[in-house]
Amino acid sequence: MNRAKTVSLLALLTVAAPVLAQADANRLITIQGGPRGDVRNGPLTFTGSPVKAKVSTLNIEASQAVLAAPRGTPLIEAKGKRTANFTGAVKVTRGRLSAAGSTLAYDETTGQGVLSGNASATFSPEKKEDGDTVSIKAAQMSLDVDNNVSTSTGSVTLSTGTQNGQADRLVFDEDRELAQLTGQPSLTRAAKANQKELVITGQEVRALTKTKTLYVRGGVKLVQGTTTTTGDAVYYDDRKNVAYVVGNAVSVDSKSKVTVKAPASGYLEQRTDLGRVRALNSAYKVPAEQFKLRGEK
């Protein structure tokens, strides 16, 4: 295909007959190159080394892409309703996020790109002093083009520095650097120096990866060495090596047989670097506001 035909084809694919709402316009995908197929009705197949595409702030590379319209709708009239399926060494970048997988299925209707096949992603800190790179692995990862949020499902793992999390589902907000883990979530802080390994579990784990702080709620359990601490919720600051456990908080050392209970009006403070737990008879409010996902009230 000569250059004139290629330019004409790209113009055909990127200019819609109907006027779209601005929100929908952000979901439109552009694929570079000269494809094979029915230009009017589709599907169109793009191949290259690699094929390059762009939708909103997502940049996509793959070995092959197939652009299609809903059955019975001409491709040139299907702007905002098309699908694009990418296969072969798929790579996706958005700001500080880099993701990879075997396939990527994108739908303009939903604005979701679903990455499958050993899906993985890394999120780099803005500055070296901002902390560690966040690494995510999952069976499937959905990237939302309407906001900088990804949702990973299926045997999810998250690692950053000495922290490693596991869950059935992970929502990661790239703007806030906030992770939400649900579905039997657990978080492990590896042993370092004189500190023993720490494992925290609960119904839900929320982590601010830049500040290395955690909010865990629902049947919370902290296990470090022979000490097991339970409660309704915990706020943990990894940089300060301290956990604040509230709501029916109790700590038991299976070796020394010492039990520490928080008073009804108080909480437990656990120093993970000193192996010390103490009860404090004053109110402590977990700063849950810091861990709200976008849209939450």
Protein backbone atom coordinates (compact mmCIF):
# COMPACT_ATOMS: atom_id res chain seq x y z
CA MET A 1 0.00 0.00 0.00
CA ASN A 2 1.42 3.37 -1.00
CA ARG A 3 1.68 6.33 1.36
CA ALA A 4 -1.35 8.13 -0.08
CA LYS A 5 -3.59 5.10 0.44
CA THR A 6 -2.27 4.59 3.97
CA VAL A 7 -3.00 8.21 4.92
CA SER A 8 -6.50 7.95 3.44
CA LEU A 9 -7.17 4.74 5.36
CA LEU A 10 -6.02 6.24 8.66
CA ALA A 11 -8.25 9.23 8.06
CA LEU A 12 -11.16 6.88 7.39
CA LEU A 13 -10.54 5.02 10.63
CA THR A 14 -10.06 8.07 12.84
CA VAL A 15 -12.83 10.42 11.66
CA ALA A 16 -16.34 9.36 12.60
CA ALA A 17 -19.50 10.30 10.77
CA PRO A 18 -21.53 10.85 13.96
CA VAL A 19 -20.37 13.38 16.54
CA LEU A 20 -19.29 11.60 19.74
CA ALA A 21 -19.45 12.84 23.28
CA GLN A 22 -16.07 13.92 24.66
CA ALA A 23 -16.01 11.07 27.17
CA ASP A 24 -16.43 8.53 24.36
CA ALA A 25 -13.80 10.27 22.24
CA ASN A 26 -11.21 9.43 24.89
CA ARG A 27 -11.94 5.75 24.28
CA LEU A 28 -11.31 5.75 20.54
CA ILE A 29 -8.35 3.68 19.43
CA THR A 30 -5.92 4.48 16.63
CA ILE A 31 -3.76 1.72 15.12
CA GLN A 32 -0.82 2.58 12.91
CA GLY A 33 -0.02 0.85 9.64
CA GLY A 34 -1.63 -0.47 6.47
CA PRO A 35 -4.04 -3.32 7.34
CA ARG A 36 -5.51 -6.20 5.37
CA GLY A 37 -9.23 -6.82 5.17
CA ASP A 38 -12.55 -5.21 4.28
CA VAL A 39 -11.98 -1.50 4.77
CA ARG A 40 -15.70 -0.72 4.90
CA ASN A 41 -17.05 -3.55 7.07
CA GLY A 42 -13.96 -5.04 8.70
CA PRO A 43 -12.38 -6.78 10.36
CA LEU A 44 -8.96 -5.27 9.62
CA THR A 45 -5.76 -7.09 10.51
CA PHE A 46 -2.60 -5.15 11.32
CA THR A 47 0.82 -6.79 11.50
CA GLY A 48 4.20 -5.27 12.17
CA SER A 49 7.41 -5.28 14.18
CA PRO A 50 5.61 -4.24 16.27
CA VAL A 51 2.09 -3.00 15.61
CA LYS A 52 1.60 0.27 17.49
CA ALA A 53 -1.67 1.67 18.79
CA LYS A 54 -2.86 4.42 21.10
CA VAL A 55 -6.03 5.05 23.10
CA SER A 56 -6.19 7.96 25.50
CA THR A 57 -2.96 7.76 27.54
CA LEU A 58 -2.39 4.05 26.79
CA ASN A 59 0.32 3.11 24.29
CA ILE A 60 0.14 -0.44 22.96
CA GLU A 61 2.60 -2.63 21.06
CA ALA A 62 1.98 -6.18 19.79
CA SER A 63 2.78 -8.56 16.94
CA GLN A 64 -0.74 -8.37 15.52
CA ALA A 65 -3.98 -6.41 15.99
CA VAL A 66 -7.47 -7.06 14.66
CA LEU A 67 -9.96 -4.17 14.57
CA ALA A 68 -13.63 -5.16 14.28
CA ALA A 69 -17.13 -3.67 14.43
CA PRO A 70 -20.34 -5.15 15.86
CA ARG A 71 -22.04 -7.59 13.51
CA GLY A 72 -24.10 -5.78 10.89
CA THR A 73 -22.43 -2.38 11.48
CA PRO A 74 -19.96 -1.00 8.90
CA LEU A 75 -16.56 -0.33 10.44
CA ILE A 76 -16.61 3.29 9.29
CA GLU A 77 -19.87 3.85 11.22
CA ALA A 78 -18.87 1.98 14.37
CA LYS A 79 -16.72 4.59 16.09
CA GLY A 80 -17.08 4.10 19.83
CA LYS A 81 -18.34 0.52 19.44
CA ARG A 82 -15.31 -1.21 17.93
CA THR A 83 -13.09 -3.87 19.47
CA ALA A 84 -9.35 -4.31 19.02
CA ASN A 85 -7.65 -7.59 19.85
CA PHE A 86 -3.88 -7.63 20.19
CA THR A 87 -1.80 -10.81 20.24
CA GLY A 88 1.87 -11.70 20.50
CA ALA A 89 4.23 -10.08 23.03
CA VAL A 90 1.76 -7.38 24.06
CA LYS A 91 3.23 -4.37 25.85
CA VAL A 92 1.25 -1.48 27.34
CA THR A 93 2.61 1.74 28.83
CA ARG A 94 0.89 4.60 30.60
CA GLY A 95 2.95 7.15 32.47
CA ARG A 96 4.99 5.25 35.04
CA LEU A 97 3.07 1.99 34.44
CA SER A 98 4.42 -0.72 32.13
CA ALA A 99 2.40 -3.90 31.56
CA ALA A 100 2.79 -7.04 29.46
CA GLY A 101 0.90 -10.19 28.54
CA SER A 102 0.04 -12.60 25.73
CA THR A 103 -3.18 -10.91 24.60
CA LEU A 104 -5.05 -7.64 25.06
CA ALA A 105 -8.74 -7.24 24.27
CA TYR A 106 -9.89 -3.62 24.06
CA ASP A 107 -13.52 -2.46 23.80
CA GLU A 108 -14.33 1.16 22.93
CA THR A 109 -17.79 0.77 24.51
CA THR A 110 -16.42 0.12 27.99
CA GLY A 111 -13.02 1.80 27.70
CA GLN A 112 -11.47 -1.35 29.18
CA GLY A 113 -8.39 -3.14 27.92
CA VAL A 114 -8.14 -6.65 29.35
CA LEU A 115 -4.63 -8.10 29.45
CA SER A 116 -4.36 -11.89 29.76
CA GLY A 117 -1.73 -14.61 29.60
CA ASN A 118 0.86 -14.18 32.37
CA ALA A 119 -0.25 -10.58 32.86
CA SER A 120 2.26 -8.46 34.74
CA ALA A 121 2.90 -4.80 35.42
CA THR A 122 5.44 -2.55 37.09
CA PHE A 123 4.85 0.92 38.47
CA SER A 124 7.96 3.03 39.00
CA PRO A 125 8.30 5.72 41.67
CA GLU A 126 8.39 9.28 40.40
CA LYS A 127 11.66 9.89 42.26
CA LYS A 128 14.22 7.47 43.64
CA GLU A 129 13.57 8.71 47.16
CA ASP A 130 9.82 8.05 46.75
CA GLY A 131 10.24 4.35 47.48
CA ASP A 132 10.33 1.07 45.61
CA THR A 133 8.94 -0.14 42.29
CA VAL A 134 5.54 -1.84 42.56
CA SER A 135 5.29 -5.17 40.70
CA ILE A 136 1.97 -6.91 39.99
CA LYS A 137 1.25 -10.36 38.54
CA ALA A 138 -2.17 -11.87 37.87
CA ALA A 139 -4.15 -14.14 35.59
CA GLN A 140 -5.91 -11.10 34.13
CA MET A 141 -5.45 -7.36 34.32
CA SER A 142 -8.01 -4.75 33.21
CA LEU A 143 -6.78 -1.25 32.36
CA ASP A 144 -9.37 1.54 32.44
CA VAL A 145 -8.73 4.37 29.96
CA ASP A 146 -11.19 6.72 31.69
CA ASN A 147 -8.89 6.92 34.71
CA ASN A 148 -5.49 5.65 35.75
CA VAL A 149 -6.82 2.56 37.51
CA SER A 150 -6.10 -1.12 36.87
CA THR A 151 -8.00 -4.13 38.25
CA SER A 152 -6.18 -7.47 38.49
CA THR A 153 -7.87 -10.80 39.22
CA GLY A 154 -6.84 -14.41 39.68
CA SER A 155 -3.90 -15.43 41.91
CA VAL A 156 -2.79 -11.82 42.28
CA THR A 157 0.60 -10.95 43.75
CA LEU A 158 1.91 -7.50 44.59
CA SER A 159 5.46 -6.76 45.68
CA THR A 160 7.25 -3.55 46.62
CA GLY A 161 10.50 -3.50 48.52
CA THR A 162 10.26 -5.99 51.41
CA GLN A 163 6.44 -6.16 51.23
CA ASN A 164 4.64 -8.90 49.32
CA GLY A 165 0.86 -9.19 49.02
CA GLN A 166 -1.48 -11.90 47.77
CA ALA A 167 -5.19 -11.73 46.98
CA ASP A 168 -7.92 -12.80 44.58
CA ARG A 169 -8.45 -9.21 43.41
CA LEU A 170 -6.35 -6.05 43.32
CA VAL A 171 -7.38 -2.51 42.41
CA PHE A 172 -4.45 -0.16 41.89
CA ASP A 173 -4.89 3.61 41.56
CA GLU A 174 -1.79 4.94 39.82
CA ASP A 175 -2.50 8.58 40.67
CA ARG A 176 -2.80 7.95 44.42
CA GLU A 177 -0.38 5.00 44.45
CA LEU A 178 -3.05 3.13 46.39
CA ALA A 179 -3.67 -0.62 46.27
CA GLN A 180 -6.79 -2.42 47.49
CA LEU A 181 -6.54 -6.20 47.97
CA THR A 182 -9.65 -8.33 48.55
CA GLY A 183 -10.46 -12.03 48.45
CA GLN A 184 -8.41 -13.68 51.22
CA PRO A 185 -5.74 -10.98 51.14
CA SER A 186 -2.48 -11.23 53.03
CA LEU A 187 0.60 -9.05 53.23
CA THR A 188 4.06 -10.21 54.29
CA ARG A 189 6.88 -7.92 55.37
CA ALA A 190 10.10 -9.88 54.98
CA ALA A 191 12.49 -10.28 57.90
CA LYS A 192 15.20 -7.62 58.03
CA ALA A 193 18.02 -6.96 60.47
CA ASN A 194 16.70 -8.07 63.88
CA GLN A 195 13.06 -7.95 62.80
CA LYS A 196 11.25 -11.22 62.22
CA GLU A 197 8.93 -11.77 59.29
CA LEU A 198 5.53 -10.11 59.74
CA VAL A 199 2.33 -11.47 58.16
CA ILE A 200 -0.89 -9.44 58.21
CA THR A 201 -4.28 -10.81 57.10
CA GLY A 202 -7.85 -9.53 57.12
CA GLN A 203 -10.93 -9.15 54.95
CA GLU A 204 -9.47 -6.16 53.10
CA VAL A 205 -5.98 -4.69 52.78
CA ARG A 206 -5.30 -1.17 51.53
CA ALA A 207 -1.73 -0.01 50.97
CA LEU A 208 -0.25 3.36 50.08
CA THR A 209 2.86 2.14 48.30
CA LYS A 210 4.71 5.48 48.36
CA THR A 211 4.45 6.01 52.12
CA LYS A 212 4.50 2.25 52.91
CA THR A 213 1.46 2.46 55.16
CA LEU A 214 -1.35 -0.08 55.45
CA TYR A 215 -4.96 -0.13 56.56
CA VAL A 216 -6.36 -3.62 57.14
CA ARG A 217 -9.89 -4.27 58.37
CA GLY A 218 -12.14 -7.20 59.21
CA GLY A 219 -10.83 -10.07 61.36
CA VAL A 220 -7.31 -8.69 61.40
CA LYS A 221 -4.40 -10.91 62.42
CA LEU A 222 -0.72 -10.00 62.76
CA VAL A 223 1.76 -12.85 63.17
CA GLN A 224 5.41 -12.14 63.98
CA GLY A 225 7.53 -14.87 65.50
CA THR A 226 5.64 -16.32 68.47
CA THR A 227 3.37 -13.26 68.79
CA THR A 228 -0.14 -13.24 67.32
CA THR A 229 -2.22 -10.07 67.58
CA THR A 230 -5.88 -9.86 66.54
CA GLY A 231 -8.46 -7.09 66.27
CA ASP A 232 -11.03 -5.43 64.04
CA ALA A 233 -8.61 -3.13 62.19
CA VAL A 234 -4.96 -2.13 62.04
CA TYR A 235 -2.95 0.79 60.76
CA TYR A 236 0.67 -0.14 60.03
CA ASP A 237 3.56 2.18 59.22
CA ASP A 238 6.42 0.14 57.79
CA ARG A 239 8.90 3.00 57.90
CA LYS A 240 8.26 3.57 61.62
CA ASN A 241 7.92 -0.17 62.37
CA VAL A 242 4.72 0.30 64.35
CA ALA A 243 1.19 -1.14 64.15
CA TYR A 244 -1.90 0.24 65.91
CA VAL A 245 -4.57 -2.41 66.45
CA VAL A 246 -8.12 -1.38 67.38
CA GLY A 247 -11.39 -3.12 68.16
CA ASN A 248 -11.24 -6.07 70.59
CA ALA A 249 -7.47 -6.08 70.25
CA VAL A 250 -5.62 -8.96 71.89
CA SER A 251 -1.99 -10.10 71.60
CA VAL A 252 -0.73 -13.52 72.68
CA ASP A 253 2.86 -14.78 72.86
CA SER A 254 2.75 -18.55 72.49
CA LYS A 255 6.26 -18.92 73.94
CA SER A 256 6.06 -16.72 77.04
CA LYS A 257 2.28 -17.28 77.45
CA VAL A 258 1.87 -13.52 77.99
CA THR A 259 -1.45 -12.03 76.88
CA VAL A 260 -1.99 -8.30 76.33
CA LYS A 261 -5.53 -6.96 75.94
CA ALA A 262 -6.52 -3.47 74.95
CA PRO A 263 -8.95 -1.74 77.31
CA ALA A 264 -12.45 -1.10 75.98
CA SER A 265 -11.55 2.54 75.32
CA GLY A 266 -8.04 1.88 74.08
CA TYR A 267 -5.86 0.04 71.56
CA LEU A 268 -2.67 -2.00 71.18
CA GLU A 269 0.61 -0.58 69.92
CA GLN A 270 2.93 -3.19 68.41
CA ARG A 271 6.54 -2.29 67.69
CA THR A 272 7.63 -4.71 64.99
CA ASP A 273 11.29 -3.75 65.34
CA LEU A 274 11.41 -4.29 69.11
CA GLY A 275 9.05 -7.26 69.39
CA ARG A 276 6.99 -5.33 71.95
CA VAL A 277 3.24 -4.97 72.43
CA ARG A 278 1.63 -2.61 74.88
CA ALA A 279 -1.93 -1.61 75.73
CA LEU A 280 -2.83 2.09 75.73
CA ASN A 281 -5.94 3.42 77.49
CA SER A 282 -6.82 6.15 75.03
CA ALA A 283 -8.76 6.39 71.80
CA TYR A 284 -7.00 5.80 68.48
CA LYS A 285 -8.64 6.56 65.16
CA VAL A 286 -7.29 4.76 62.12
CA PRO A 287 -6.67 7.38 59.36
CA ALA A 288 -9.00 5.54 56.97
CA GLU A 289 -9.64 8.72 54.93
CA GLN A 290 -6.13 8.43 53.47
CA PHE A 291 -7.00 5.06 51.96
CA LYS A 292 -10.22 5.91 50.12
CA LEU A 293 -10.46 4.88 46.50
CA ARG A 294 -11.65 7.46 43.97
CA GLY A 295 -15.39 7.91 44.12
CA GLU A 296 -15.73 6.57 47.65
CA LYS A 297 -17.56 8.71 50.20
